[in-house]
């Protein structure tokens, strides 16, 4: 869930060039969907991948989601 039912924050997405750009994200069922019009063929997503991140993604018990990345670079 998102804190305050606001759009999810602190998501970035990259294509094969691995240049990350800010991305919108939303919850659909039990999944977070991260689409991008500027990255038509995404290969990686990062969440809260910054020392200054103040994300608003929480689990059903109100605990904040941990930062994560789907790439290994």
C-alpha atoms as a PDB file:
ATOM      1  CA  UNK A   1       0.000   0.000   0.000  1.00  0.00           C
ATOM      2  CA  UNK A   2       1.080   3.575  -0.367  1.00  0.00           C
ATOM      3  CA  UNK A   3       1.239   5.971   2.536  1.00  0.00           C
ATOM      4  CA  UNK A   4      -1.601   8.450   2.218  1.00  0.00           C
ATOM      5  CA  UNK A   5      -2.862   6.594  -0.869  1.00  0.00           C
ATOM      6  CA  UNK A   6      -0.480   8.744  -2.919  1.00  0.00           C
ATOM      7  CA  UNK A   7       1.236   7.537  -6.129  1.00  0.00           C
ATOM      8  CA  UNK A   8       4.240   5.356  -5.313  1.00  0.00           C
ATOM      9  CA  UNK A   9       7.538   7.189  -5.159  1.00  0.00           C
ATOM     10  CA  UNK A  10      11.259   6.534  -5.629  1.00  0.00           C
ATOM     11  CA  UNK A  11      11.059   4.045  -8.505  1.00  0.00           C
ATOM     12  CA  UNK A  12      13.479   4.150 -11.424  1.00  0.00           C
ATOM     13  CA  UNK A  13      13.647   1.997 -14.539  1.00  0.00           C
ATOM     14  CA  UNK A  14      16.275   1.280 -17.202  1.00  0.00           C
ATOM     15  CA  UNK A  15      16.577  -0.362 -20.590  1.00  0.00           C
ATOM     16  CA  UNK A  16      19.574  -2.351 -21.826  1.00  0.00           C
ATOM     17  CA  UNK A  17      21.691   0.835 -21.759  1.00  0.00           C
ATOM     18  CA  UNK A  18      21.266   0.771 -17.934  1.00  0.00           C
ATOM     19  CA  UNK A  19      20.488   4.507 -17.805  1.00  0.00           C
ATOM     20  CA  UNK A  20      17.949   4.797 -15.013  1.00  0.00           C
ATOM     21  CA  UNK A  21      15.114   7.302 -15.257  1.00  0.00           C
ATOM     22  CA  UNK A  22      12.367   8.184 -12.816  1.00  0.00           C
ATOM     23  CA  UNK A  23       9.342   5.970 -13.293  1.00  0.00           C
ATOM     24  CA  UNK A  24       5.775   5.996 -12.122  1.00  0.00           C
ATOM     25  CA  UNK A  25       4.624   2.926 -10.246  1.00  0.00           C
ATOM     26  CA  UNK A  26       1.311   1.647  -8.997  1.00  0.00           C
ATOM     27  CA  UNK A  27      -0.101  -1.297  -7.106  1.00  0.00           C
ATOM     28  CA  UNK A  28      -2.228  -3.819  -8.958  1.00  0.00           C
ATOM     29  CA  UNK A  29      -3.448  -6.622  -6.719  1.00  0.00           C
ATOM     30  CA  UNK A  30      -0.363  -7.879  -4.880  1.00  0.00           C
ATOM     31  CA  UNK A  31       2.151  -6.553  -7.450  1.00  0.00           C
ATOM     32  CA  UNK A  32       3.875  -3.261  -8.082  1.00  0.00           C
ATOM     33  CA  UNK A  33       3.699  -2.302 -11.757  1.00  0.00           C
ATOM     34  CA  UNK A  34       6.413   0.006 -13.119  1.00  0.00           C
ATOM     35  CA  UNK A  35       5.614   1.060 -16.696  1.00  0.00           C
ATOM     36  CA  UNK A  36       7.526   3.637 -18.706  1.00  0.00           C
ATOM     37  CA  UNK A  37       6.850   5.417 -21.967  1.00  0.00           C
ATOM     38  CA  UNK A  38      10.526   6.437 -22.231  1.00  0.00           C
ATOM     39  CA  UNK A  39      11.856   2.904 -21.651  1.00  0.00           C
ATOM     40  CA  UNK A  40       9.926   0.645 -24.051  1.00  0.00           C
ATOM     41  CA  UNK A  41      11.945  -2.499 -23.238  1.00  0.00           C
ATOM     42  CA  UNK A  42      12.850  -2.316 -19.530  1.00  0.00           C
ATOM     43  CA  UNK A  43      15.445  -4.663 -18.080  1.00  0.00           C
ATOM     44  CA  UNK A  44      15.842  -3.316 -14.534  1.00  0.00           C
ATOM     45  CA  UNK A  45      13.960  -1.492 -11.783  1.00  0.00           C
ATOM     46  CA  UNK A  46      15.266   0.113  -8.625  1.00  0.00           C
ATOM     47  CA  UNK A  47      13.259   1.214  -5.611  1.00  0.00           C
ATOM     48  CA  UNK A  48      14.462   3.766  -3.042  1.00  0.00           C
ATOM     49  CA  UNK A  49      17.999   3.443  -4.397  1.00  0.00           C
ATOM     50  CA  UNK A  50      19.263   6.671  -2.813  1.00  0.00           C
ATOM     51  CA  UNK A  51      20.541   7.811   0.573  1.00  0.00           C
ATOM     52  CA  UNK A  52      17.912  10.557   0.619  1.00  0.00           C
ATOM     53  CA  UNK A  53      14.954   8.365  -0.388  1.00  0.00           C
ATOM     54  CA  UNK A  54      11.747   8.794   1.570  1.00  0.00           C
ATOM     55  CA  UNK A  55       9.520   6.238  -0.174  1.00  0.00           C
ATOM     56  CA  UNK A  56       5.855   5.668   0.517  1.00  0.00           C
ATOM     57  CA  UNK A  57       5.522   1.924  -0.185  1.00  0.00           C
ATOM     58  CA  UNK A  58       4.412  -0.069   2.848  1.00  0.00           C
ATOM     59  CA  UNK A  59       3.128  -3.582   3.537  1.00  0.00           C
ATOM     60  CA  UNK A  60      -0.344  -4.291   4.935  1.00  0.00           C
ATOM     61  CA  UNK A  61       1.031  -4.106   8.502  1.00  0.00           C
ATOM     62  CA  UNK A  62       2.325  -0.574   7.918  1.00  0.00           C
ATOM     63  CA  UNK A  63       5.997  -1.506   7.696  1.00  0.00           C
ATOM     64  CA  UNK A  64       8.049   0.267   5.015  1.00  0.00           C
ATOM     65  CA  UNK A  65       9.352  -1.656   2.026  1.00  0.00           C
ATOM     66  CA  UNK A  66      13.125  -2.064   1.866  1.00  0.00           C
ATOM     67  CA  UNK A  67      15.109  -0.601  -1.012  1.00  0.00           C
ATOM     68  CA  UNK A  68      15.723  -3.104  -3.801  1.00  0.00           C
ATOM     69  CA  UNK A  69      17.087  -3.477  -7.287  1.00  0.00           C
ATOM     70  CA  UNK A  70      16.509  -6.056  -9.985  1.00  0.00           C
ATOM     71  CA  UNK A  71      19.895  -5.527 -11.656  1.00  0.00           C
ATOM     72  CA  UNK A  72      23.325  -6.496 -10.381  1.00  0.00           C
ATOM     73  CA  UNK A  73      25.434  -3.577 -11.616  1.00  0.00           C
END
